[in-house]
Amino acid sequence: MPTDIPTYSTPGENRQVLLAKRPAGVPQATDFELASAPLPKPSAGEMLVRNVYLSVDPAQRGWASAEANYSAPVPLGGPMRALAVGIVQESRHPDFKAGDALYGWFGWQDYAVAAPQQVIHRATQDLPLTAFGSLLGINGVTAYLGLTELGRPREGDTLVVSTAAGSVGSFVGQIGRSLGARAIGLTGDDRKVALCRERYGYVDAVNYKTADLDAAVAAAAPDGVNVYFDNTGGSILDTVLRRMAVGGRIVQCGTASVGSWNPLPTGPRNEREILTRRLGWSGFVIFDHMARYAAACDELTRLCKAGTLTYDIDLAHGIEAAPGAIASLYAGENLGKKLIFIG
């Protein structure tokens, strides 16, 4: 069972963060509004979940957009789609009981009426409740499965990671180190460069905003980059791509640097690099790999308890912090996985 479950209240109404209008790019606080609704009641086969920690994730930018990517847009006037960690208050499903801790699609709100298919993970590991929204949330599991299944680093490989101190990248560096890789982190903040070197398993880190990125990657990987775990796309990807080793693997996990895909952005042609370097380039979306989610959580827990893997939480307080949280995330203001405690 989870440890360190905080004291939380059980209000008689349901505060919600509603998507008021479609954002132009990164969602801003003004794109949302706070509202209250009556306390919902579960029907047969459902549970009433009291959210404790709301998750803030880069993917919410796409979910709020009018253009569907790998999921339908959030309806205007509806609660913002979000992952959350919560406690079952009432259950009308035989497989769940009051007091169960769950991680799933519960939205930016106090309460959610949830069916089993909305539950991603039942929080049973012996870790603090915050871990289920970070290390054992989609961030940590994305890092583990994306790297091990698509990146496949081998002993002595050079692994480069963009947004290396972020909620996914901070785990990729540590997991890569545990597999014998030399991890090089790319980030845009000197504080995060220090975190990469001192806390997240990177043998070196580069501030791409102040360094000559091509020269820095060439110096850190003189024999080429064997695995590139990319969360940004754009010009950073263009640079690292041309420093890949023959037979290198690219894990495309995000495209955070690209402001809009309409119209399509332009950049260097990459076909020749893929051909001549014989690169493998794969997109990773966690929802294609849910069959391995629980097993990945067990392995991440083992690494954490062994002292091989650590995690940091950037914790805000109060549901009022939610509307501006995505913009704060894209501005790079967080240090660790961004969660909001609404107890």
C-alpha atoms as a PDB file:
ATOM      1  CA  MET A   1       0.000   0.000   0.000  1.00  0.00           C
ATOM      2  CA  PRO A   2       1.148   3.584  -0.534  1.00  0.00           C
ATOM      3  CA  THR A   3       2.901   5.325   2.320  1.00  0.00           C
ATOM      4  CA  ASP A   4       2.620   8.969   3.319  1.00  0.00           C
ATOM      5  CA  ILE A   5      -1.006   9.558   2.288  1.00  0.00           C
ATOM      6  CA  PRO A   6      -1.753  13.182   3.259  1.00  0.00           C
ATOM      7  CA  THR A   7      -4.817  14.297   5.167  1.00  0.00           C
ATOM      8  CA  TYR A   8      -7.430  15.454   2.682  1.00  0.00           C
ATOM      9  CA  SER A   9     -10.924  16.924   2.981  1.00  0.00           C
ATOM     10  CA  THR A  10     -14.178  15.641   1.497  1.00  0.00           C
ATOM     11  CA  PRO A  11     -16.103  18.751   0.397  1.00  0.00           C
ATOM     12  CA  GLY A  12     -19.798  18.535  -0.371  1.00  0.00           C
ATOM     13  CA  GLU A  13     -19.442  20.019  -3.850  1.00  0.00           C
ATOM     14  CA  ASN A  14     -17.156  19.375  -6.784  1.00  0.00           C
ATOM     15  CA  ARG A  15     -14.759  22.163  -7.756  1.00  0.00           C
ATOM     16  CA  GLN A  16     -13.721  21.842 -11.410  1.00  0.00           C
ATOM     17  CA  VAL A  17     -11.288  23.493 -13.834  1.00  0.00           C
ATOM     18  CA  LEU A  18     -13.190  23.875 -17.103  1.00  0.00           C
ATOM     19  CA  LEU A  19     -11.715  24.488 -20.554  1.00  0.00           C
ATOM     20  CA  ALA A  20     -13.354  27.795 -21.474  1.00  0.00           C
ATOM     21  CA  LYS A  21     -11.761  28.387 -24.895  1.00  0.00           C
ATOM     22  CA  ARG A  22      -9.312  26.817 -27.309  1.00  0.00           C
ATOM     23  CA  PRO A  23      -5.745  27.963 -26.622  1.00  0.00           C
ATOM     24  CA  ALA A  24      -3.534  29.571 -29.212  1.00  0.00           C
ATOM     25  CA  GLY A  25      -0.496  27.376 -28.641  1.00  0.00           C
ATOM     26  CA  VAL A  26       0.362  26.663 -25.004  1.00  0.00           C
ATOM     27  CA  PRO A  27      -2.772  26.872 -22.790  1.00  0.00           C
ATOM     28  CA  GLN A  28      -2.807  29.939 -20.547  1.00  0.00           C
ATOM     29  CA  ALA A  29      -4.660  30.559 -17.303  1.00  0.00           C
ATOM     30  CA  THR A  30      -7.201  32.673 -19.190  1.00  0.00           C
ATOM     31  CA  ASP A  31      -8.227  29.641 -21.259  1.00  0.00           C
ATOM     32  CA  PHE A  32      -9.773  28.038 -18.171  1.00  0.00           C
ATOM     33  CA  GLU A  33     -12.381  28.914 -15.599  1.00  0.00           C
ATOM     34  CA  LEU A  34     -13.123  27.592 -12.111  1.00  0.00           C
ATOM     35  CA  ALA A  35     -16.621  26.307 -11.376  1.00  0.00           C
ATOM     36  CA  SER A  36     -18.496  24.162  -8.873  1.00  0.00           C
ATOM     37  CA  ALA A  37     -20.879  21.315  -9.558  1.00  0.00           C
ATOM     38  CA  PRO A  38     -22.985  19.080  -7.314  1.00  0.00           C
ATOM     39  CA  LEU A  39     -21.251  16.087  -5.760  1.00  0.00           C
ATOM     40  CA  PRO A  40     -21.507  13.281  -8.346  1.00  0.00           C
ATOM     41  CA  LYS A  41     -22.935   9.852  -7.533  1.00  0.00           C
ATOM     42  CA  PRO A  42     -21.564   6.573  -8.935  1.00  0.00           C
ATOM     43  CA  SER A  43     -23.831   4.186 -10.771  1.00  0.00           C
ATOM     44  CA  ALA A  44     -23.526   0.408 -10.798  1.00  0.00           C
ATOM     45  CA  GLY A  45     -20.030  -0.575 -11.937  1.00  0.00           C
ATOM     46  CA  GLU A  46     -18.485   2.803 -11.035  1.00  0.00           C
ATOM     47  CA  MET A  47     -16.531   4.414  -8.174  1.00  0.00           C
ATOM     48  CA  LEU A  48     -16.468   7.873  -6.658  1.00  0.00           C
ATOM     49  CA  VAL A  49     -12.815   8.978  -6.483  1.00  0.00           C
ATOM     50  CA  ARG A  50     -11.637  11.912  -4.377  1.00  0.00           C
ATOM     51  CA  ASN A  51      -8.645  13.399  -6.188  1.00  0.00           C
ATOM     52  CA  VAL A  52      -5.656  14.244  -3.996  1.00  0.00           C
ATOM     53  CA  TYR A  53      -2.926  15.069  -6.517  1.00  0.00           C
ATOM     54  CA  LEU A  54      -3.665  16.487  -9.964  1.00  0.00           C
ATOM     55  CA  SER A  55      -1.062  15.905 -12.650  1.00  0.00           C
ATOM     56  CA  VAL A  56       0.240  18.584 -15.019  1.00  0.00           C
ATOM     57  CA  ASP A  57       1.624  17.114 -18.240  1.00  0.00           C
ATOM     58  CA  PRO A  58       3.000  18.478 -21.538  1.00  0.00           C
ATOM     59  CA  ALA A  59       0.445  16.386 -23.444  1.00  0.00           C
ATOM     60  CA  GLN A  60      -2.356  18.571 -22.056  1.00  0.00           C
ATOM     61  CA  ARG A  61      -1.383  21.175 -24.625  1.00  0.00           C
ATOM     62  CA  GLY A  62      -2.503  18.792 -27.358  1.00  0.00           C
ATOM     63  CA  TRP A  63      -5.587  17.628 -25.481  1.00  0.00           C
ATOM     64  CA  ALA A  64      -6.829  21.238 -25.189  1.00  0.00           C
ATOM     65  CA  SER A  65      -6.231  21.938 -28.883  1.00  0.00           C
ATOM     66  CA  ALA A  66      -9.013  21.785 -31.457  1.00  0.00           C
ATOM     67  CA  GLU A  67      -6.888  19.406 -33.537  1.00  0.00           C
ATOM     68  CA  ALA A  68      -7.070  15.776 -32.420  1.00  0.00           C
ATOM     69  CA  ASN A  69      -3.713  14.007 -32.214  1.00  0.00           C
ATOM     70  CA  TYR A  70      -3.842  10.603 -30.516  1.00  0.00           C
ATOM     71  CA  SER A  71      -6.965  11.519 -28.504  1.00  0.00           C
ATOM     72  CA  ALA A  72     -10.082  13.597 -29.082  1.00  0.00           C
ATOM     73  CA  PRO A  73      -9.969  17.258 -28.005  1.00  0.00           C
ATOM     74  CA  VAL A  74     -11.306  18.145 -24.562  1.00  0.00           C
ATOM     75  CA  PRO A  75     -14.881  19.464 -25.004  1.00  0.00           C
ATOM     76  CA  LEU A  76     -15.275  23.184 -24.384  1.00  0.00           C
ATOM     77  CA  GLY A  77     -16.998  23.786 -21.076  1.00  0.00           C
ATOM     78  CA  GLY A  78     -15.918  20.401 -19.730  1.00  0.00           C
ATOM     79  CA  PRO A  79     -13.385  19.568 -17.011  1.00  0.00           C
ATOM     80  CA  MET A  80      -9.810  19.629 -18.273  1.00  0.00           C
ATOM     81  CA  ARG A  81      -8.605  16.154 -19.129  1.00  0.00           C
ATOM     82  CA  ALA A  82      -5.923  15.187 -16.665  1.00  0.00           C
ATOM     83  CA  LEU A  83      -4.391  12.317 -14.815  1.00  0.00           C
ATOM     84  CA  ALA A  84      -4.740  12.327 -11.057  1.00  0.00           C
ATOM     85  CA  VAL A  85      -4.038  10.249  -7.979  1.00  0.00           C
ATOM     86  CA  GLY A  86      -7.078   9.761  -5.796  1.00  0.00           C
ATOM     87  CA  ILE A  87      -8.747   7.679  -3.116  1.00  0.00           C
ATOM     88  CA  VAL A  88     -11.982   5.724  -3.635  1.00  0.00           C
ATOM     89  CA  GLN A  89     -14.732   7.189  -1.445  1.00  0.00           C
ATOM     90  CA  GLU A  90     -17.576   4.945  -2.559  1.00  0.00           C
ATOM     91  CA  SER A  91     -17.527   1.901  -4.812  1.00  0.00           C
ATOM     92  CA  ARG A  92     -20.276   0.178  -6.722  1.00  0.00           C
ATOM     93  CA  HIS A  93     -17.810  -2.108  -8.491  1.00  0.00           C
ATOM     94  CA  PRO A  94     -16.832  -5.480  -6.977  1.00  0.00           C
ATOM     95  CA  ASP A  95     -13.125  -5.121  -7.811  1.00  0.00           C
ATOM     96  CA  PHE A  96     -12.667  -1.818  -5.976  1.00  0.00           C
ATOM     97  CA  LYS A  97     -13.369  -0.748  -2.411  1.00  0.00           C
ATOM     98  CA  ALA A  98     -13.430   2.457  -0.389  1.00  0.00           C
ATOM     99  CA  GLY A  99      -9.889   3.456   0.557  1.00  0.00           C
ATOM    100  CA  ASP A 100      -8.228   2.096  -2.595  1.00  0.00           C
ATOM    101  CA  ALA A 101      -5.617   4.474  -4.042  1.00  0.00           C
ATOM    102  CA  LEU A 102      -5.841   4.821  -7.822  1.00  0.00           C
ATOM    103  CA  TYR A 103      -4.067   6.645 -10.653  1.00  0.00           C
ATOM    104  CA  GLY A 104      -6.110   7.403 -13.723  1.00  0.00           C
ATOM    105  CA  TRP A 105      -8.176   9.709 -15.906  1.00  0.00           C
ATOM    106  CA  PHE A 106      -9.995  11.643 -13.210  1.00  0.00           C
ATOM    107  CA  GLY A 107      -9.666  15.223 -14.525  1.00  0.00           C
ATOM    108  CA  TRP A 108      -8.905  18.553 -12.923  1.00  0.00           C
ATOM    109  CA  GLN A 109     -11.620  18.400 -10.267  1.00  0.00           C
ATOM    110  CA  ASP A 110     -12.208  17.362  -6.668  1.00  0.00           C
ATOM    111  CA  TYR A 111     -14.218  14.256  -7.490  1.00  0.00           C
ATOM    112  CA  ALA A 112     -14.574  11.916 -10.434  1.00  0.00           C
ATOM    113  CA  VAL A 113     -17.081   9.178 -11.095  1.00  0.00           C
ATOM    114  CA  ALA A 114     -14.845   6.572 -12.687  1.00  0.00           C
ATOM    115  CA  ALA A 115     -15.332   3.292 -14.503  1.00  0.00           C
ATOM    116  CA  PRO A 116     -12.552   0.664 -14.397  1.00  0.00           C
ATOM    117  CA  GLN A 117     -11.297   1.626 -17.868  1.00  0.00           C
ATOM    118  CA  GLN A 118     -10.382   5.072 -16.523  1.00  0.00           C
ATOM    119  CA  VAL A 119      -7.953   3.512 -14.024  1.00  0.00           C
ATOM    120  CA  ILE A 120      -4.387   3.242 -15.289  1.00  0.00           C
ATOM    121  CA  HIS A 121      -2.777   1.806 -12.177  1.00  0.00           C
ATOM    122  CA  ARG A 122      -3.915   0.576  -8.782  1.00  0.00           C
ATOM    123  CA  ALA A 123      -1.495   2.105  -6.282  1.00  0.00           C
ATOM    124  CA  THR A 124      -0.241  -0.940  -4.391  1.00  0.00           C
ATOM    125  CA  GLN A 125       3.531  -0.402  -4.287  1.00  0.00           C
ATOM    126  CA  ASP A 126       5.112   0.654  -0.999  1.00  0.00           C
ATOM    127  CA  LEU A 127       5.989   4.224  -2.014  1.00  0.00           C
ATOM    128  CA  PRO A 128       4.627   7.676  -1.097  1.00  0.00           C
ATOM    129  CA  LEU A 129       1.367   8.600  -2.793  1.00  0.00           C
ATOM    130  CA  THR A 130       3.130  11.301  -4.854  1.00  0.00           C
ATOM    131  CA  ALA A 131       5.207   8.583  -6.535  1.00  0.00           C
ATOM    132  CA  PHE A 132       2.121   7.289  -8.307  1.00  0.00           C
ATOM    133  CA  GLY A 133       1.770  10.589 -10.160  1.00  0.00           C
ATOM    134  CA  SER A 134       5.463  10.782 -11.039  1.00  0.00           C
ATOM    135  CA  LEU A 135       7.800   7.790 -10.853  1.00  0.00           C
ATOM    136  CA  LEU A 136       4.951   5.307 -11.376  1.00  0.00           C
ATOM    137  CA  GLY A 137       2.855   7.693 -13.443  1.00  0.00           C
ATOM    138  CA  ILE A 138       2.996   7.904 -17.220  1.00  0.00           C
ATOM    139  CA  ASN A 139       6.207   9.938 -16.954  1.00  0.00           C
ATOM    140  CA  GLY A 140       8.319   7.285 -15.253  1.00  0.00           C
ATOM    141  CA  VAL A 141       6.770   4.410 -17.171  1.00  0.00           C
ATOM    142  CA  THR A 142       7.250   6.263 -20.473  1.00  0.00           C
ATOM    143  CA  ALA A 143      10.918   6.742 -19.623  1.00  0.00           C
ATOM    144  CA  TYR A 144      11.381   3.077 -18.724  1.00  0.00           C
ATOM    145  CA  LEU A 145       9.464   1.467 -21.581  1.00  0.00           C
ATOM    146  CA  GLY A 146      10.460   4.010 -24.229  1.00  0.00           C
ATOM    147  CA  LEU A 147      14.128   3.587 -23.437  1.00  0.00           C
ATOM    148  CA  THR A 148      14.226  -0.166 -22.901  1.00  0.00           C
ATOM    149  CA  GLU A 149      11.868  -1.203 -25.728  1.00  0.00           C
ATOM    150  CA  LEU A 150      12.770   1.328 -28.441  1.00  0.00           C
ATOM    151  CA  GLY A 151      16.124   2.828 -27.422  1.00  0.00           C
ATOM    152  CA  ARG A 152      17.642  -0.476 -26.259  1.00  0.00           C
ATOM    153  CA  PRO A 153      20.892   0.990 -24.872  1.00  0.00           C
ATOM    154  CA  ARG A 154      23.801  -1.382 -24.508  1.00  0.00           C
ATOM    155  CA  GLU A 155      26.752  -1.242 -22.145  1.00  0.00           C
ATOM    156  CA  GLY A 156      29.014   1.645 -23.169  1.00  0.00           C
ATOM    157  CA  ASP A 157      26.469   3.308 -25.505  1.00  0.00           C
ATOM    158  CA  THR A 158      26.201   7.082 -25.550  1.00  0.00           C
ATOM    159  CA  LEU A 159      22.661   8.181 -24.748  1.00  0.00           C
ATOM    160  CA  VAL A 160      21.558  11.790 -25.359  1.00  0.00           C
ATOM    161  CA  VAL A 161      18.317  13.061 -23.804  1.00  0.00           C
ATOM    162  CA  SER A 162      16.518  16.352 -24.459  1.00  0.00           C
ATOM    163  CA  THR A 163      14.568  18.063 -21.637  1.00  0.00           C
ATOM    164  CA  ALA A 164      16.909  15.973 -19.553  1.00  0.00           C
ATOM    165  CA  ALA A 165      15.758  17.299 -16.181  1.00  0.00           C
ATOM    166  CA  GLY A 166      12.060  17.071 -17.027  1.00  0.00           C
ATOM    167  CA  SER A 167       9.448  14.669 -15.736  1.00  0.00           C
ATOM    168  CA  VAL A 168      10.447  12.025 -18.322  1.00  0.00           C
ATOM    169  CA  GLY A 169      14.062  12.942 -19.059  1.00  0.00           C
ATOM    170  CA  SER A 170      15.143  12.874 -15.422  1.00  0.00           C
ATOM    171  CA  PHE A 171      14.224   9.189 -15.322  1.00  0.00           C
ATOM    172  CA  VAL A 172      15.716   8.353 -18.739  1.00  0.00           C
ATOM    173  CA  GLY A 173      19.182   9.456 -17.615  1.00  0.00           C
ATOM    174  CA  GLN A 174      19.046   7.350 -14.453  1.00  0.00           C
ATOM    175  CA  ILE A 175      17.633   4.276 -16.185  1.00  0.00           C
ATOM    176  CA  GLY A 176      20.236   4.616 -18.935  1.00  0.00           C
ATOM    177  CA  ARG A 177      22.997   4.747 -16.333  1.00  0.00           C
ATOM    178  CA  SER A 178      21.614   1.597 -14.661  1.00  0.00           C
ATOM    179  CA  LEU A 179      21.889  -0.150 -18.046  1.00  0.00           C
ATOM    180  CA  GLY A 180      25.530   0.894 -18.512  1.00  0.00           C
ATOM    181  CA  ALA A 181      25.027   3.804 -20.922  1.00  0.00           C
ATOM    182  CA  ARG A 182      26.837   7.154 -20.826  1.00  0.00           C
ATOM    183  CA  ALA A 183      24.006   9.640 -20.557  1.00  0.00           C
ATOM    184  CA  ILE A 184      24.367  13.220 -21.860  1.00  0.00           C
ATOM    185  CA  GLY A 185      21.596  15.638 -20.918  1.00  0.00           C
ATOM    186  CA  LEU A 186      20.332  18.649 -22.886  1.00  0.00           C
ATOM    187  CA  THR A 187      18.424  21.338 -21.014  1.00  0.00           C
ATOM    188  CA  GLY A 188      17.865  25.078 -21.193  1.00  0.00           C
ATOM    189  CA  ASP A 189      18.649  26.123 -17.628  1.00  0.00           C
ATOM    190  CA  ASP A 190      21.910  26.142 -15.668  1.00  0.00           C
ATOM    191  CA  ARG A 191      20.101  24.949 -12.519  1.00  0.00           C
ATOM    192  CA  LYS A 192      18.864  21.950 -14.453  1.00  0.00           C
ATOM    193  CA  VAL A 193      22.328  21.311 -15.881  1.00  0.00           C
ATOM    194  CA  ALA A 194      23.502  20.934 -12.280  1.00  0.00           C
ATOM    195  CA  LEU A 195      20.599  18.613 -11.428  1.00  0.00           C
ATOM    196  CA  CYS A 196      21.395  16.433 -14.439  1.00  0.00           C
ATOM    197  CA  ARG A 197      25.022  16.051 -13.373  1.00  0.00           C
ATOM    198  CA  GLU A 198      24.513  15.754  -9.635  1.00  0.00           C
ATOM    199  CA  ARG A 199      21.201  13.931  -9.271  1.00  0.00           C
ATOM    200  CA  TYR A 200      19.887  12.363 -12.470  1.00  0.00           C
ATOM    201  CA  GLY A 201      22.694  10.105 -13.620  1.00  0.00           C
ATOM    202  CA  TYR A 202      24.171  12.144 -16.469  1.00  0.00           C
ATOM    203  CA  VAL A 203      27.923  12.104 -17.002  1.00  0.00           C
ATOM    204  CA  ASP A 204      27.588  15.526 -18.630  1.00  0.00           C
ATOM    205  CA  ALA A 205      24.880  18.069 -19.407  1.00  0.00           C
ATOM    206  CA  VAL A 206      24.627  20.998 -21.807  1.00  0.00           C
ATOM    207  CA  ASN A 207      22.624  24.218 -21.670  1.00  0.00           C
ATOM    208  CA  TYR A 208      21.537  24.347 -25.307  1.00  0.00           C
ATOM    209  CA  LYS A 209      20.518  28.002 -24.968  1.00  0.00           C
ATOM    210  CA  THR A 210      24.030  29.199 -24.145  1.00  0.00           C
ATOM    211  CA  ALA A 211      26.336  26.552 -25.650  1.00  0.00           C
ATOM    212  CA  ASP A 212      27.259  25.740 -29.235  1.00  0.00           C
ATOM    213  CA  LEU A 213      25.071  22.629 -29.234  1.00  0.00           C
ATOM    214  CA  ASP A 214      26.669  20.924 -32.236  1.00  0.00           C
ATOM    215  CA  ALA A 215      30.174  21.373 -30.823  1.00  0.00           C
ATOM    216  CA  ALA A 216      29.047  20.262 -27.360  1.00  0.00           C
ATOM    217  CA  VAL A 217      27.429  17.068 -28.654  1.00  0.00           C
ATOM    218  CA  ALA A 218      30.451  16.310 -30.827  1.00  0.00           C
ATOM    219  CA  ALA A 219      32.750  16.702 -27.816  1.00  0.00           C
ATOM    220  CA  ALA A 220      30.542  14.602 -25.517  1.00  0.00           C
ATOM    221  CA  ALA A 221      30.004  11.862 -28.119  1.00  0.00           C
ATOM    222  CA  PRO A 222      33.156  11.710 -30.277  1.00  0.00           C
ATOM    223  CA  ASP A 223      32.145   8.283 -31.623  1.00  0.00           C
ATOM    224  CA  GLY A 224      28.562   9.364 -32.268  1.00  0.00           C
ATOM    225  CA  VAL A 225      25.272   9.126 -30.394  1.00  0.00           C
ATOM    226  CA  ASN A 226      23.934   5.589 -30.116  1.00  0.00           C
ATOM    227  CA  VAL A 227      20.542   6.453 -28.603  1.00  0.00           C
ATOM    228  CA  TYR A 228      18.731   9.782 -28.724  1.00  0.00           C
ATOM    229  CA  PHE A 229      15.651  10.102 -26.493  1.00  0.00           C
ATOM    230  CA  ASP A 230      13.947  13.211 -27.845  1.00  0.00           C
ATOM    231  CA  ASN A 231      11.222  15.217 -26.140  1.00  0.00           C
ATOM    232  CA  THR A 232      11.580  18.446 -28.133  1.00  0.00           C
ATOM    233  CA  GLY A 233      11.955  17.982 -31.885  1.00  0.00           C
ATOM    234  CA  GLY A 234      12.848  21.121 -33.839  1.00  0.00           C
ATOM    235  CA  SER A 235      16.365  22.484 -34.181  1.00  0.00           C
ATOM    236  CA  ILE A 236      17.700  20.426 -31.253  1.00  0.00           C
ATOM    237  CA  LEU A 237      16.682  17.241 -33.046  1.00  0.00           C
ATOM    238  CA  ASP A 238      18.179  18.533 -36.316  1.00  0.00           C
ATOM    239  CA  THR A 239      21.514  19.023 -34.553  1.00  0.00           C
ATOM    240  CA  VAL A 240      21.673  15.694 -32.714  1.00  0.00           C
ATOM    241  CA  LEU A 241      20.470  13.759 -35.771  1.00  0.00           C
ATOM    242  CA  ARG A 242      23.655  14.747 -37.597  1.00  0.00           C
ATOM    243  CA  ARG A 243      25.769  13.416 -34.728  1.00  0.00           C
ATOM    244  CA  MET A 244      24.136   9.970 -34.605  1.00  0.00           C
ATOM    245  CA  ALA A 245      26.322   6.876 -34.886  1.00  0.00           C
ATOM    246  CA  VAL A 246      25.694   4.292 -37.577  1.00  0.00           C
ATOM    247  CA  GLY A 247      22.882   2.040 -36.369  1.00  0.00           C
ATOM    248  CA  GLY A 248      21.681   4.591 -33.832  1.00  0.00           C
ATOM    249  CA  ARG A 249      18.157   4.567 -32.388  1.00  0.00           C
ATOM    250  CA  ILE A 250      15.953   7.642 -31.945  1.00  0.00           C
ATOM    251  CA  VAL A 251      13.000   7.536 -29.555  1.00  0.00           C
ATOM    252  CA  GLN A 252      10.568  10.315 -30.470  1.00  0.00           C
ATOM    253  CA  CYS A 253       8.669  10.925 -27.261  1.00  0.00           C
ATOM    254  CA  GLY A 254       7.637  14.568 -27.678  1.00  0.00           C
ATOM    255  CA  THR A 255       7.840  17.658 -29.878  1.00  0.00           C
ATOM    256  CA  ALA A 256       7.675  20.383 -27.225  1.00  0.00           C
ATOM    257  CA  SER A 257       9.748  22.926 -29.191  1.00  0.00           C
ATOM    258  CA  VAL A 258       7.325  23.072 -32.121  1.00  0.00           C
ATOM    259  CA  GLY A 259       4.788  25.825 -31.537  1.00  0.00           C
ATOM    260  CA  SER A 260       2.259  24.721 -34.143  1.00  0.00           C
ATOM    261  CA  TRP A 261       1.783  22.035 -36.782  1.00  0.00           C
ATOM    262  CA  ASN A 262      -0.599  24.179 -38.826  1.00  0.00           C
ATOM    263  CA  PRO A 263       0.916  25.232 -41.136  1.00  0.00           C
ATOM    264  CA  LEU A 264       3.553  22.544 -41.167  1.00  0.00           C
ATOM    265  CA  PRO A 265       6.938  23.825 -39.991  1.00  0.00           C
ATOM    266  CA  THR A 266       9.886  23.531 -42.362  1.00  0.00           C
ATOM    267  CA  GLY A 267      13.413  22.419 -41.650  1.00  0.00           C
ATOM    268  CA  PRO A 268      16.329  20.373 -43.017  1.00  0.00           C
ATOM    269  CA  ARG A 269      15.547  17.225 -44.958  1.00  0.00           C
ATOM    270  CA  ASN A 270      16.463  14.178 -42.882  1.00  0.00           C
ATOM    271  CA  GLU A 271      16.081  11.251 -45.293  1.00  0.00           C
ATOM    272  CA  ARG A 272      19.764  11.150 -46.182  1.00  0.00           C
ATOM    273  CA  GLU A 273      20.830  11.085 -42.535  1.00  0.00           C
ATOM    274  CA  ILE A 274      18.475   8.177 -41.812  1.00  0.00           C
ATOM    275  CA  LEU A 275      19.725   6.256 -44.839  1.00  0.00           C
ATOM    276  CA  THR A 276      23.459   6.769 -44.537  1.00  0.00           C
ATOM    277  CA  ARG A 277      23.548   6.255 -40.770  1.00  0.00           C
ATOM    278  CA  ARG A 278      21.042   3.343 -40.927  1.00  0.00           C
ATOM    279  CA  LEU A 279      18.999   4.879 -38.130  1.00  0.00           C
ATOM    280  CA  GLY A 280      15.973   3.448 -36.389  1.00  0.00           C
ATOM    281  CA  TRP A 281      13.466   6.200 -35.554  1.00  0.00           C
ATOM    282  CA  SER A 282      10.374   5.269 -33.546  1.00  0.00           C
ATOM    283  CA  GLY A 283       7.537   7.233 -32.004  1.00  0.00           C
ATOM    284  CA  PHE A 284       6.574   6.341 -28.451  1.00  0.00           C
ATOM    285  CA  VAL A 285       3.133   6.886 -26.925  1.00  0.00           C
ATOM    286  CA  ILE A 286       2.617   5.191 -23.576  1.00  0.00           C
ATOM    287  CA  PHE A 287      -0.966   4.183 -24.331  1.00  0.00           C
ATOM    288  CA  ASP A 288       0.286   1.662 -26.902  1.00  0.00           C
ATOM    289  CA  HIS A 289       2.174  -0.177 -24.141  1.00  0.00           C
ATOM    290  CA  MET A 290      -0.351  -0.520 -21.326  1.00  0.00           C
ATOM    291  CA  ALA A 291       0.027  -4.310 -21.143  1.00  0.00           C
ATOM    292  CA  ARG A 292       3.481  -3.758 -19.601  1.00  0.00           C
ATOM    293  CA  TYR A 293       2.531  -0.869 -17.316  1.00  0.00           C
ATOM    294  CA  ALA A 294       2.222  -2.792 -14.032  1.00  0.00           C
ATOM    295  CA  ALA A 295       5.444  -4.745 -14.642  1.00  0.00           C
ATOM    296  CA  ALA A 296       7.274  -1.486 -15.381  1.00  0.00           C
ATOM    297  CA  CYS A 297       5.972  -0.038 -12.089  1.00  0.00           C
ATOM    298  CA  ASP A 298       7.367  -3.032 -10.202  1.00  0.00           C
ATOM    299  CA  GLU A 299      10.792  -2.567 -11.824  1.00  0.00           C
ATOM    300  CA  LEU A 300      10.820   1.182 -11.191  1.00  0.00           C
ATOM    301  CA  THR A 301       9.923   0.542  -7.545  1.00  0.00           C
ATOM    302  CA  ARG A 302      12.786  -1.942  -7.271  1.00  0.00           C
ATOM    303  CA  LEU A 303      15.249   0.572  -8.718  1.00  0.00           C
ATOM    304  CA  CYS A 304      13.968   3.289  -6.380  1.00  0.00           C
ATOM    305  CA  LYS A 305      14.241   1.133  -3.272  1.00  0.00           C
ATOM    306  CA  ALA A 306      17.728   0.010  -4.333  1.00  0.00           C
ATOM    307  CA  GLY A 307      18.838   3.662  -4.448  1.00  0.00           C
ATOM    308  CA  THR A 308      19.438   3.550  -8.209  1.00  0.00           C
ATOM    309  CA  LEU A 309      16.554   5.839  -9.098  1.00  0.00           C
ATOM    310  CA  THR A 310      15.283   9.014  -7.464  1.00  0.00           C
ATOM    311  CA  TYR A 311      12.477  11.428  -8.253  1.00  0.00           C
ATOM    312  CA  ASP A 312      11.575  15.035  -7.471  1.00  0.00           C
ATOM    313  CA  ILE A 313       8.161  16.650  -7.102  1.00  0.00           C
ATOM    314  CA  ASP A 314       7.340  20.265  -7.931  1.00  0.00           C
ATOM    315  CA  LEU A 315       4.234  20.604  -5.758  1.00  0.00           C
ATOM    316  CA  ALA A 316       1.670  23.386  -5.987  1.00  0.00           C
ATOM    317  CA  HIS A 317      -1.219  23.730  -3.547  1.00  0.00           C
ATOM    318  CA  GLY A 318      -4.867  24.363  -4.265  1.00  0.00           C
ATOM    319  CA  ILE A 319      -7.013  23.762  -7.328  1.00  0.00           C
ATOM    320  CA  GLU A 320      -6.605  27.472  -8.105  1.00  0.00           C
ATOM    321  CA  ALA A 321      -3.033  26.681  -9.213  1.00  0.00           C
ATOM    322  CA  ALA A 322      -4.250  24.483 -12.078  1.00  0.00           C
ATOM    323  CA  PRO A 323      -5.246  27.031 -14.780  1.00  0.00           C
ATOM    324  CA  GLY A 324      -1.741  28.493 -15.121  1.00  0.00           C
ATOM    325  CA  ALA A 325       0.142  25.252 -14.542  1.00  0.00           C
ATOM    326  CA  ILE A 326       0.567  24.138 -18.166  1.00  0.00           C
ATOM    327  CA  ALA A 327       2.035  27.509 -19.170  1.00  0.00           C
ATOM    328  CA  SER A 328       4.420  27.311 -16.202  1.00  0.00           C
ATOM    329  CA  LEU A 329       5.479  23.838 -17.325  1.00  0.00           C
ATOM    330  CA  TYR A 330       6.283  24.976 -20.869  1.00  0.00           C
ATOM    331  CA  ALA A 331       8.190  27.950 -19.484  1.00  0.00           C
ATOM    332  CA  GLY A 332      10.499  25.481 -17.734  1.00  0.00           C
ATOM    333  CA  GLU A 333       9.722  26.843 -14.280  1.00  0.00           C
ATOM    334  CA  ASN A 334       9.255  23.453 -12.608  1.00  0.00           C
ATOM    335  CA  LEU A 335      11.990  21.432 -10.925  1.00  0.00           C
ATOM    336  CA  GLY A 336      10.627  17.898 -10.873  1.00  0.00           C
ATOM    337  CA  LYS A 337       7.270  16.392 -11.808  1.00  0.00           C
ATOM    338  CA  LYS A 338       4.566  19.033 -11.467  1.00  0.00           C
ATOM    339  CA  LEU A 339       1.665  17.963  -9.245  1.00  0.00           C
ATOM    340  CA  ILE A 340      -1.076  19.971  -7.538  1.00  0.00           C
ATOM    341  CA  PHE A 341      -2.279  18.959  -4.064  1.00  0.00           C
ATOM    342  CA  ILE A 342      -5.967  19.804  -3.765  1.00  0.00           C
ATOM    343  CA  GLY A 343      -6.774  18.079  -0.465  1.00  0.00           C
END
